[in-house]
């Protein structure tokens, strides 16, 4: 049976052609649309004449924000209709790929509605085509509206020109090229399609009930649910899951423990095979919520400029992981400590071109006022701090909150990367503990890696470390730093990895998009060090 939606394309084509035929009696155009060059009449084709005469009236019915692009597109096309049956079919083919971008094609293209509005079908199709193109190329939401500080290079493209050119080339390929084409986006979009298929075909996975901890060797009635949950995402092979279910003993044995460790790694949890509060929170998330979380992260990636520097540092502040890229390849990764929920590390894209060996710390006024000065002069003396012109300064040395090296970012709102004497935090799963700056594990070795292309600069840095003198060493090149917030990404084994929404940015973005999502809360491991006042 053919549905109304399947009939929609033919009806929409008929609507466009019918609008032209209805105006066949009009022999000459009226006043040209605003912006139309005088003295250059449009085609005498009846469809073109009718469309030309009603152009401004139709345009005024579109949302004001969409009107400039639609006008620019038709100016390139000589103010004539463009949506022939083959082009509409190509557009439908492009729209059919919306799911891989975490989008629903019928949010943009409803051919039934086009058929119902015969007089506006042509222009409504163009508006929808450009609207979908803009979402693929730039995202649906302006990032500044859902993040307190977002300062990164946005993707920008001339969409009217692109659509104009694509109509006579390959419309589907043009649309697919608008979204990011890097491996991170492509792998994550494939993950989204996989989760959607799982939901459609299997209903997702069974709900894991939060309750008492499950220790290795325990017997627990939730074990069958746990087995099915782990099989669904591939942490436990299906054959092994079937074997364990067949035992029907509810035993939390070695094979299942290994699968839980895989799950814990994928979710950035403590990898101990104990099914405690943090692991149970993550297990309780539904397949639908995880699919929607992937869609939110695809949206974030579409915001960003596509041309990235082949040498750069990327910090995923949701995962508290840093990756160094050289010649377009990831060559080094470190754990990092990033801002707490109350002192979030912002989304920034800034270059740096120097490292400071043995840096003193000029304490920000807020930290000084709230966390240092109330402790009195004894605390300042014990931590090599003093006050100069109203500013608290910590001398370089073993107590310095900046450790033995700082990576200076340009115009970074006092956000930078640095070493730290608080090394223990790198061993924790929950590493959102700073005042907003990024603390880098093995920072001195990482600085040496960045300086290694120039032996003279590396020697200068090594000498400074030996003498403990404060020394600024230039890198000889600018290296970009991107502070990103990815709560869903694909790991090195090709699996979708998730992190909990510590900064509540998934929640805000979902609300802006009109998406209902219920994600588990992060659970801290390890105590908060009251004496850790570093940036």
Protein backbone atom coordinates (compact mmCIF):
# COMPACT_ATOMS: atom_id res chain seq x y z
CA UNK A 1 0.00 0.00 0.00
CA UNK A 2 1.31 3.47 -0.89
CA UNK A 3 1.15 5.93 2.01
CA UNK A 4 0.35 9.63 1.82
CA UNK A 5 3.99 10.40 2.55
CA UNK A 6 5.09 8.22 -0.36
CA UNK A 7 2.64 10.07 -2.57
CA UNK A 8 3.94 13.40 -1.28
CA UNK A 9 6.70 13.88 -3.85
CA UNK A 10 4.36 13.48 -6.79
CA UNK A 11 1.77 15.73 -5.18
CA UNK A 12 4.36 18.40 -4.47
CA UNK A 13 5.61 18.30 -8.05
CA UNK A 14 2.05 18.64 -9.28
CA UNK A 15 1.51 21.56 -6.92
CA UNK A 16 4.52 23.41 -8.30
CA UNK A 17 3.51 22.79 -11.91
CA UNK A 18 -0.13 23.53 -11.17
CA UNK A 19 0.72 26.94 -9.76
CA UNK A 20 2.37 27.83 -13.04
CA UNK A 21 -0.55 26.62 -15.14
CA UNK A 22 -3.01 28.61 -13.06
CA UNK A 23 -1.17 31.78 -14.03
CA UNK A 24 -0.94 30.93 -17.73
CA UNK A 25 -3.19 33.83 -18.71
CA UNK A 26 -0.73 36.39 -17.37
CA UNK A 27 1.31 37.48 -20.38
CA UNK A 28 3.78 39.91 -18.84
CA UNK A 29 5.47 40.42 -15.49
CA UNK A 30 4.44 43.12 -13.08
CA UNK A 31 6.92 45.25 -11.14
CA UNK A 32 10.11 43.24 -10.59
CA UNK A 33 10.87 41.86 -7.13
CA UNK A 34 12.95 44.04 -4.83
CA UNK A 35 16.59 43.60 -5.74
CA UNK A 36 15.76 42.43 -9.29
CA UNK A 37 17.85 44.28 -11.94
CA UNK A 38 15.64 46.55 -14.03
CA UNK A 39 15.40 45.99 -17.78
CA UNK A 40 16.13 42.26 -17.66
CA UNK A 41 12.79 40.46 -18.05
CA UNK A 42 12.45 36.88 -16.85
CA UNK A 43 11.67 33.97 -19.13
CA UNK A 44 8.32 34.12 -20.95
CA UNK A 45 7.56 30.61 -19.73
CA UNK A 46 4.17 30.82 -17.98
CA UNK A 47 5.51 29.20 -14.83
CA UNK A 48 8.35 31.70 -14.66
CA UNK A 49 6.01 34.63 -15.28
CA UNK A 50 3.61 33.55 -12.56
CA UNK A 51 6.38 32.93 -10.07
CA UNK A 52 8.06 36.23 -10.93
CA UNK A 53 4.87 38.23 -10.43
CA UNK A 54 4.13 36.74 -7.02
CA UNK A 55 7.71 36.53 -5.76
CA UNK A 56 7.64 39.33 -3.18
CA UNK A 57 4.28 38.27 -1.78
CA UNK A 58 5.47 34.70 -1.37
CA UNK A 59 8.78 35.76 0.11
CA UNK A 60 7.05 37.88 2.75
CA UNK A 61 5.26 34.79 4.05
CA UNK A 62 8.53 33.10 4.96
CA UNK A 63 10.25 33.68 8.32
CA UNK A 64 12.15 36.93 8.08
CA UNK A 65 15.46 35.29 8.91
CA UNK A 66 15.15 32.98 5.87
CA UNK A 67 14.20 35.61 3.32
CA UNK A 68 17.70 36.91 2.38
CA UNK A 69 19.00 33.45 1.44
CA UNK A 70 15.88 32.59 -0.57
CA UNK A 71 16.08 35.92 -2.43
CA UNK A 72 19.78 35.45 -3.17
CA UNK A 73 19.15 31.94 -4.47
CA UNK A 74 16.43 33.02 -6.90
CA UNK A 75 18.44 36.01 -8.08
CA UNK A 76 21.13 33.54 -9.20
CA UNK A 77 18.42 31.50 -10.94
CA UNK A 78 16.93 34.46 -12.80
CA UNK A 79 13.81 34.52 -10.59
CA UNK A 80 12.48 31.32 -12.16
CA UNK A 81 11.18 28.08 -10.58
CA UNK A 82 13.79 25.35 -10.22
CA UNK A 83 12.12 22.32 -8.62
CA UNK A 84 11.52 19.88 -11.43
CA UNK A 85 10.52 16.30 -10.66
CA UNK A 86 14.12 14.94 -10.93
CA UNK A 87 15.43 17.67 -8.62
CA UNK A 88 12.68 17.00 -6.10
CA UNK A 89 13.61 13.33 -6.15
CA UNK A 90 17.26 14.22 -5.55
CA UNK A 91 16.19 16.44 -2.66
CA UNK A 92 14.15 13.61 -1.21
CA UNK A 93 17.17 11.31 -1.51
CA UNK A 94 19.28 13.84 0.37
CA UNK A 95 16.64 14.20 3.08
CA UNK A 96 16.47 10.42 3.52
CA UNK A 97 20.00 10.53 4.98
CA UNK A 98 18.99 12.87 7.81
CA UNK A 99 18.99 10.12 10.43
CA UNK A 100 22.73 9.64 10.28
CA UNK A 101 23.07 13.25 11.43
CA UNK A 102 20.77 12.71 14.40
CA UNK A 103 17.97 14.57 12.59
CA UNK A 104 14.45 13.70 11.44
CA UNK A 105 13.87 14.39 7.75
CA UNK A 106 10.23 15.33 8.31
CA UNK A 107 11.32 18.20 10.55
CA UNK A 108 12.52 19.82 7.32
CA UNK A 109 10.66 18.25 4.41
CA UNK A 110 6.94 17.51 4.44
CA UNK A 111 5.87 16.93 0.85
CA UNK A 112 2.26 16.50 1.96
CA UNK A 113 2.28 20.08 3.21
CA UNK A 114 3.76 21.24 -0.09
CA UNK A 115 0.94 19.58 -1.97
CA UNK A 116 -1.60 21.31 0.27
CA UNK A 117 -0.17 24.77 -0.48
CA UNK A 118 -0.11 24.86 -4.27
CA UNK A 119 0.67 28.55 -4.57
CA UNK A 120 3.74 28.39 -2.30
CA UNK A 121 5.15 24.93 -3.12
CA UNK A 122 8.15 26.17 -5.12
CA UNK A 123 9.35 28.70 -2.58
CA UNK A 124 8.56 26.53 0.45
CA UNK A 125 10.69 23.79 -1.07
CA UNK A 126 13.60 26.17 -1.49
CA UNK A 127 13.21 27.48 2.05
CA UNK A 128 13.19 23.92 3.41
CA UNK A 129 16.19 22.97 1.28
CA UNK A 130 18.21 25.91 2.60
CA UNK A 131 17.01 25.37 6.16
CA UNK A 132 18.21 21.77 6.13
CA UNK A 133 21.50 22.82 4.53
CA UNK A 134 22.08 25.38 7.26
CA UNK A 135 21.49 22.83 10.02
CA UNK A 136 23.95 20.41 8.43
CA UNK A 137 26.58 23.09 7.95
CA UNK A 138 26.16 25.18 11.11
CA UNK A 139 23.82 23.38 13.52
CA UNK A 140 20.30 24.20 14.66
CA UNK A 141 21.20 26.18 17.80
CA UNK A 142 23.52 29.13 18.29
CA UNK A 143 26.06 27.80 20.81
CA UNK A 144 26.22 31.08 22.75
CA UNK A 145 22.61 30.56 23.80
CA UNK A 146 23.32 27.30 25.63
CA UNK A 147 26.84 27.87 26.99
CA UNK A 148 27.97 30.71 29.26
CA UNK A 149 31.20 31.18 27.34
CA UNK A 150 31.66 29.70 23.88
CA UNK A 151 34.39 31.24 21.75
CA UNK A 152 35.36 29.01 18.86
CA UNK A 153 35.51 29.38 15.10
CA UNK A 154 32.11 28.69 13.58
CA UNK A 155 31.48 27.04 10.26
CA UNK A 156 30.19 29.43 7.60
CA UNK A 157 29.25 28.69 3.99
CA UNK A 158 27.45 30.51 1.18
CA UNK A 159 24.40 28.26 1.09
CA UNK A 160 22.42 29.99 -1.70
CA UNK A 161 25.42 29.74 -4.02
CA UNK A 162 26.08 26.16 -2.97
CA UNK A 163 22.50 25.08 -3.61
CA UNK A 164 22.48 26.92 -6.94
CA UNK A 165 25.59 25.06 -8.07
CA UNK A 166 24.47 21.71 -6.67
CA UNK A 167 21.19 21.70 -8.59
CA UNK A 168 23.07 21.02 -11.80
CA UNK A 169 25.68 18.75 -10.27
CA UNK A 170 25.05 16.28 -7.45
CA UNK A 171 22.56 17.52 -4.87
CA UNK A 172 22.93 14.52 -2.54
CA UNK A 173 26.72 14.78 -2.42
CA UNK A 174 26.51 18.51 -1.74
CA UNK A 175 24.27 17.94 1.27
CA UNK A 176 26.46 15.16 2.63
CA UNK A 177 29.50 17.43 2.31
CA UNK A 178 27.91 20.16 4.44
CA UNK A 179 28.14 18.21 7.69
CA UNK A 180 31.59 17.49 9.14
CA UNK A 181 33.41 14.81 7.20
CA UNK A 182 36.13 14.01 9.76
CA UNK A 183 36.43 10.53 11.22
CA UNK A 184 35.14 11.63 14.62
CA UNK A 185 31.83 12.87 13.21
CA UNK A 186 31.43 10.00 10.76
CA UNK A 187 32.07 7.35 13.41
CA UNK A 188 29.70 9.01 15.85
CA UNK A 189 26.96 9.33 13.23
CA UNK A 190 27.38 5.63 12.43
CA UNK A 191 26.99 4.97 16.13
CA UNK A 192 23.78 6.97 16.19
CA UNK A 193 22.34 4.95 13.32
CA UNK A 194 23.34 1.74 15.12
CA UNK A 195 21.59 2.78 18.34
CA UNK A 196 18.46 3.83 16.42
CA UNK A 197 18.36 0.47 14.68
CA UNK A 198 18.75 -1.27 18.03
CA UNK A 199 15.80 0.70 19.39
CA UNK A 200 13.60 -0.01 16.36
CA UNK A 201 14.40 -3.71 16.08
CA UNK A 202 14.97 -4.78 19.69
CA UNK A 203 13.37 -2.03 21.75
CA UNK A 204 16.75 -0.98 23.09
CA UNK A 205 17.79 -2.79 26.26
CA UNK A 206 16.05 -3.73 29.51
CA UNK A 207 16.01 -1.21 32.35
CA UNK A 208 18.65 -1.85 34.98
CA UNK A 209 17.27 -1.10 38.46
CA UNK A 210 19.45 0.86 40.86
CA UNK A 211 19.84 -0.87 44.20
CA UNK A 212 22.45 -2.43 46.44
CA UNK A 213 26.02 -2.71 45.16
CA UNK A 214 26.91 -5.90 43.32
CA UNK A 215 30.35 -7.19 44.27
CA UNK A 216 32.36 -9.79 42.34
CA UNK A 217 31.12 -13.23 43.33
CA UNK A 218 27.68 -12.01 44.44
CA UNK A 219 24.38 -13.57 43.47
CA UNK A 220 21.82 -10.94 42.46
CA UNK A 221 18.40 -11.09 40.79
CA UNK A 222 19.45 -8.26 38.41
CA UNK A 223 22.14 -10.39 36.74
CA UNK A 224 19.94 -11.44 33.76
CA UNK A 225 19.11 -7.78 33.09
CA UNK A 226 22.80 -6.90 33.42
CA UNK A 227 23.74 -9.59 30.89
CA UNK A 228 21.22 -8.37 28.31
CA UNK A 229 22.29 -4.76 28.96
CA UNK A 230 25.95 -5.54 28.30
CA UNK A 231 25.21 -7.63 25.21
CA UNK A 232 23.16 -4.80 23.67
CA UNK A 233 26.15 -2.42 23.45
CA UNK A 234 28.76 -5.07 22.70
CA UNK A 235 30.56 -5.14 26.05
CA UNK A 236 29.65 -8.83 26.26
CA UNK A 237 29.58 -11.08 23.15
CA UNK A 238 26.09 -12.31 22.33
CA UNK A 239 27.12 -15.98 22.44
CA UNK A 240 28.67 -15.57 25.87
CA UNK A 241 25.59 -13.72 27.07
CA UNK A 242 23.35 -16.54 25.88
CA UNK A 243 25.52 -19.09 27.70
CA UNK A 244 25.43 -17.14 30.96
CA UNK A 245 21.67 -16.67 30.73
CA UNK A 246 21.32 -20.41 30.22
CA UNK A 247 23.04 -21.07 33.55
CA UNK A 248 20.19 -19.21 35.32
CA UNK A 249 22.24 -18.91 38.51
CA UNK A 250 22.29 -15.07 38.84
CA UNK A 251 26.01 -15.35 39.59
CA UNK A 252 28.32 -12.38 39.04
CA UNK A 253 31.29 -14.37 37.82
CA UNK A 254 34.59 -13.63 36.04
CA UNK A 255 33.24 -13.42 32.47
CA UNK A 256 30.59 -10.94 33.48
CA UNK A 257 33.08 -8.97 35.56
CA UNK A 258 35.31 -8.54 32.50
CA UNK A 259 32.33 -7.21 30.52
CA UNK A 260 31.55 -4.73 33.29
CA UNK A 261 35.16 -3.53 33.20
CA UNK A 262 34.73 -2.90 29.47
CA UNK A 263 31.55 -0.93 30.23
CA UNK A 264 33.34 1.07 32.93
CA UNK A 265 36.20 1.98 30.59
CA UNK A 266 33.73 3.11 27.94
CA UNK A 267 31.94 5.34 30.44
CA UNK A 268 35.01 6.79 32.15
CA UNK A 269 34.21 5.08 35.46
CA UNK A 270 36.45 3.49 38.06
CA UNK A 271 37.51 0.21 36.44
CA UNK A 272 37.15 -2.25 39.32
CA UNK A 273 34.27 -4.57 38.25
CA UNK A 274 32.31 -3.40 41.30
CA UNK A 275 28.80 -2.36 40.36
CA UNK A 276 28.55 0.57 42.71
CA UNK A 277 26.56 3.79 42.54
CA UNK A 278 28.45 5.32 39.60
CA UNK A 279 28.30 2.20 37.44
CA UNK A 280 24.65 1.63 38.33
CA UNK A 281 23.79 5.20 37.33
CA UNK A 282 25.35 4.64 33.91
CA UNK A 283 23.73 1.23 33.49
CA UNK A 284 20.32 2.75 34.23
CA UNK A 285 20.39 5.05 31.18
CA UNK A 286 17.96 3.98 28.46
CA UNK A 287 18.94 3.32 24.85
CA UNK A 288 16.70 6.21 23.79
CA UNK A 289 18.49 8.65 26.10
CA UNK A 290 21.91 7.50 24.93
CA UNK A 291 20.84 7.87 21.27
CA UNK A 292 19.64 11.38 22.00
CA UNK A 293 22.89 12.15 23.79
CA UNK A 294 24.75 11.13 20.62
CA UNK A 295 22.49 13.45 18.60
CA UNK A 296 23.34 16.35 20.93
CA UNK A 297 27.04 15.78 20.35
CA UNK A 298 26.58 15.61 16.58
CA UNK A 299 24.93 19.02 16.86
CA UNK A 300 27.92 20.41 18.80
CA UNK A 301 30.32 19.17 16.14
CA UNK A 302 28.34 20.90 13.38
CA UNK A 303 28.94 24.27 15.05
CA UNK A 304 32.68 24.12 14.43
CA UNK A 305 34.78 25.28 11.50
CA UNK A 306 35.83 22.33 9.38
CA UNK A 307 39.41 23.47 8.73
CA UNK A 308 41.42 22.46 11.79
CA UNK A 309 45.14 22.87 12.22
CA UNK A 310 47.16 19.68 11.61
CA UNK A 311 49.05 20.45 14.84
CA UNK A 312 46.77 21.16 17.76
CA UNK A 313 45.84 20.24 21.31
CA UNK A 314 42.26 19.15 21.96
CA UNK A 315 40.88 18.85 25.46
CA UNK A 316 37.60 17.04 25.94
CA UNK A 317 36.39 18.72 29.12
CA UNK A 318 33.54 16.22 29.58
CA UNK A 319 35.96 13.27 29.55
CA UNK A 320 38.90 15.17 31.12
CA UNK A 321 41.22 13.85 28.40
CA UNK A 322 43.73 15.74 26.25
CA UNK A 323 44.92 14.66 22.78
CA UNK A 324 47.86 16.17 20.90
CA UNK A 325 47.58 16.09 17.11
CA UNK A 326 50.64 16.32 14.85
CA UNK A 327 50.45 16.27 11.04
CA UNK A 328 46.73 15.59 11.32
CA UNK A 329 47.15 12.46 13.49
CA UNK A 330 46.66 11.91 17.23
CA UNK A 331 50.14 11.15 18.59
CA UNK A 332 49.87 11.68 22.33
CA UNK A 333 47.17 11.68 25.01
CA UNK A 334 47.09 12.60 28.68
CA UNK A 335 44.60 12.70 31.46
CA UNK A 336 43.75 16.19 32.63
CA UNK A 337 41.90 17.83 35.49
CA UNK A 338 39.35 20.41 34.38
CA UNK A 339 36.92 22.84 35.97
CA UNK A 340 34.37 21.71 38.51
CA UNK A 341 30.65 22.03 37.88
CA UNK A 342 30.75 25.36 39.77
CA UNK A 343 33.87 26.57 37.90
CA UNK A 344 33.40 25.21 34.42
CA UNK A 345 36.15 25.14 31.83
CA UNK A 346 34.67 27.10 28.92
CA UNK A 347 34.60 26.13 25.25
CA UNK A 348 37.50 28.05 23.74
CA UNK A 349 39.74 27.91 20.69
CA UNK A 350 42.99 29.80 21.26
CA UNK A 351 46.60 29.51 20.12
CA UNK A 352 49.69 29.46 22.29
CA UNK A 353 53.30 29.98 21.34
CA UNK A 354 55.30 29.77 24.58
CA UNK A 355 55.74 27.73 27.73
CA UNK A 356 56.82 29.16 31.05
CA UNK A 357 59.14 27.01 33.11
CA UNK A 358 58.75 27.41 36.90
CA UNK A 359 55.93 29.95 36.71
CA UNK A 360 54.75 32.00 39.69
CA UNK A 361 51.00 32.08 40.21
CA UNK A 362 49.19 35.40 40.20
CA UNK A 363 46.09 34.35 42.09
CA UNK A 364 42.78 35.56 40.62
CA UNK A 365 40.98 37.99 42.92
CA UNK A 366 38.01 35.69 43.52
CA UNK A 367 40.15 32.76 44.65
CA UNK A 368 42.30 35.02 46.79
CA UNK A 369 39.31 36.67 48.45
CA UNK A 370 37.26 33.54 49.06
CA UNK A 371 39.78 30.74 49.61
CA UNK A 372 43.22 32.11 50.52
CA UNK A 373 43.15 35.40 52.42
CA UNK A 374 40.59 34.16 55.01
CA UNK A 375 43.14 31.52 56.09
CA UNK A 376 45.47 34.20 57.40
CA UNK A 377 49.15 35.08 57.03
CA UNK A 378 50.33 31.71 58.34
CA UNK A 379 48.72 29.94 55.39
CA UNK A 380 50.29 32.38 52.95
CA UNK A 381 53.75 31.85 54.43
CA UNK A 382 53.41 28.06 54.48
CA UNK A 383 52.50 28.07 50.79
CA UNK A 384 55.16 30.57 49.57
CA UNK A 385 52.55 33.27 49.00
CA UNK A 386 52.73 37.01 49.50
CA UNK A 387 50.63 40.07 48.71
CA UNK A 388 51.87 42.75 46.30
CA UNK A 389 49.73 45.75 45.29
CA UNK A 390 46.62 43.89 46.41
CA UNK A 391 47.42 40.74 44.41
CA UNK A 392 48.23 37.42 46.04
CA UNK A 393 51.26 35.85 44.35
CA UNK A 394 52.63 32.36 44.88
CA UNK A 395 56.32 31.96 44.23
CA UNK A 396 57.58 29.37 41.79
CA UNK A 397 58.65 26.15 43.38
CA UNK A 398 57.40 22.79 44.64
CA UNK A 399 54.31 24.35 46.26
CA UNK A 400 53.27 26.38 43.23
CA UNK A 401 49.74 25.55 42.08
CA UNK A 402 51.03 25.83 38.51
CA UNK A 403 53.68 23.20 39.08
CA UNK A 404 56.80 23.44 36.94
CA UNK A 405 55.33 24.59 33.62
CA UNK A 406 52.51 26.71 32.24
CA UNK A 407 51.25 26.72 28.63
CA UNK A 408 50.21 30.30 27.90
CA UNK A 409 47.12 30.77 25.74
CA UNK A 410 46.55 34.09 23.99
CA UNK A 411 43.48 36.09 25.09
CA UNK A 412 42.12 33.15 27.03
CA UNK A 413 40.12 34.77 29.87
CA UNK A 414 42.82 33.59 32.30
CA UNK A 415 42.25 29.99 31.18
CA UNK A 416 45.44 28.06 30.46
CA UNK A 417 47.06 24.63 30.67
CA UNK A 418 49.55 23.91 33.43
CA UNK A 419 51.32 21.43 35.66
CA UNK A 420 50.17 20.81 39.23
CA UNK A 421 51.58 19.47 42.50
CA UNK A 422 48.23 17.69 43.11
CA UNK A 423 49.12 14.58 41.12
CA UNK A 424 46.74 12.17 42.86
CA UNK A 425 43.69 13.60 41.10
CA UNK A 426 44.90 12.21 37.76
CA UNK A 427 44.24 8.70 39.08
CA UNK A 428 40.57 9.46 39.69
CA UNK A 429 37.76 8.81 37.25
CA UNK A 430 36.00 12.05 38.19
CA UNK A 431 38.50 14.79 37.36
CA UNK A 432 36.32 17.93 37.35
CA UNK A 433 38.07 19.61 40.25
CA UNK A 434 39.84 22.79 39.15
CA UNK A 435 38.80 26.45 39.08
CA UNK A 436 38.50 26.29 35.28
CA UNK A 437 42.05 25.87 34.02
CA UNK A 438 43.35 22.57 32.63
CA UNK A 439 45.90 20.65 34.68
CA UNK A 440 47.97 18.32 32.51
CA UNK A 441 49.32 14.97 33.63
CA UNK A 442 53.08 14.68 33.06
CA UNK A 443 53.08 18.31 31.96
CA UNK A 444 56.86 18.75 31.95
CA UNK A 445 57.30 15.78 29.60
CA UNK A 446 54.52 17.14 27.41
CA UNK A 447 56.26 20.51 27.21
CA UNK A 448 59.44 18.74 26.16
CA UNK A 449 57.50 16.93 23.42
CA UNK A 450 56.22 20.24 22.04
CA UNK A 451 59.71 21.78 22.11
CA UNK A 452 61.51 18.73 20.72
CA UNK A 453 61.49 19.92 17.05
CA UNK A 454 63.98 22.64 18.07
CA UNK A 455 66.91 21.20 20.12
CA UNK A 456 68.02 24.68 21.17
CA UNK A 457 64.64 25.56 22.66
CA UNK A 458 64.40 22.17 24.32
CA UNK A 459 67.81 22.68 25.89
CA UNK A 460 66.73 26.12 27.13
CA UNK A 461 63.69 24.57 28.79
CA UNK A 462 65.70 21.71 30.32
CA UNK A 463 68.23 24.17 31.74
CA UNK A 464 65.41 26.17 33.30
CA UNK A 465 64.05 23.04 34.91
CA UNK A 466 67.46 22.15 36.31
CA UNK A 467 68.10 25.63 37.73
CA UNK A 468 64.43 26.20 38.77
CA UNK A 469 64.54 29.66 37.22
CA UNK A 470 61.40 31.19 35.79
CA UNK A 471 61.95 31.17 32.02
CA UNK A 472 59.67 31.75 29.08
CA UNK A 473 60.54 29.55 26.08
CA UNK A 474 58.84 30.17 22.76
CA UNK A 475 57.73 27.18 20.72
CA UNK A 476 58.76 28.78 17.43
CA UNK A 477 55.23 28.25 16.09
CA UNK A 478 51.66 28.77 17.16
CA UNK A 479 49.87 25.65 18.34
CA UNK A 480 46.09 25.74 18.51
CA UNK A 481 44.25 24.65 21.63
CA UNK A 482 40.60 23.61 21.49
CA UNK A 483 38.61 23.10 24.68
CA UNK A 484 35.65 20.93 23.66
CA UNK A 485 32.72 19.32 25.47
CA UNK A 486 32.04 15.87 24.04
CA UNK A 487 29.82 13.65 26.23
CA UNK A 488 29.55 11.05 23.45
CA UNK A 489 32.39 10.07 21.13
CA UNK A 490 33.87 6.97 19.51
CA UNK A 491 36.85 5.42 21.29
CA UNK A 492 39.91 3.75 19.80
CA UNK A 493 38.08 0.41 19.61
CA UNK A 494 35.28 1.90 17.50
CA UNK A 495 32.76 1.85 20.37
CA UNK A 496 30.58 4.76 21.37
CA UNK A 497 31.91 6.08 24.67
CA UNK A 498 29.79 8.20 26.99
CA UNK A 499 30.51 10.65 29.78
CA UNK A 500 28.04 12.05 32.24
CA UNK A 501 26.87 15.62 31.74
CA UNK A 502 28.86 17.23 34.57
CA UNK A 503 28.27 20.78 33.28
CA UNK A 504 24.57 20.21 32.43
CA UNK A 505 25.26 21.37 28.88
CA UNK A 506 23.52 18.35 27.34
CA UNK A 507 20.47 19.23 29.39
CA UNK A 508 20.48 22.87 28.23
CA UNK A 509 21.05 21.95 24.59
CA UNK A 510 18.30 19.32 24.68
CA UNK A 511 15.89 21.88 26.10
CA UNK A 512 16.79 24.36 23.37
CA UNK A 513 16.21 21.70 20.72
CA UNK A 514 12.95 20.56 22.28
CA UNK A 515 14.35 17.09 23.01
CA UNK A 516 13.32 15.20 26.15
CA UNK A 517 16.35 13.52 27.68
CA UNK A 518 17.06 12.05 31.11
CA UNK A 519 20.74 11.38 31.67
CA UNK A 520 22.41 9.93 34.78
CA UNK A 521 24.32 12.21 37.11
CA UNK A 522 28.04 11.88 37.64
CA UNK A 523 29.20 10.32 40.90
CA UNK A 524 32.46 11.57 42.40
CA UNK A 525 35.17 9.13 43.38
CA UNK A 526 37.74 10.37 45.86
CA UNK A 527 37.46 13.21 48.30
CA UNK A 528 37.66 16.87 47.39
CA UNK A 529 40.94 18.30 48.71
CA UNK A 530 40.08 21.42 50.69
CA UNK A 531 43.68 22.61 50.36
CA UNK A 532 43.64 22.41 46.56
CA UNK A 533 43.07 26.06 45.65
CA UNK A 534 44.87 25.98 42.29
CA UNK A 535 43.41 27.38 39.09
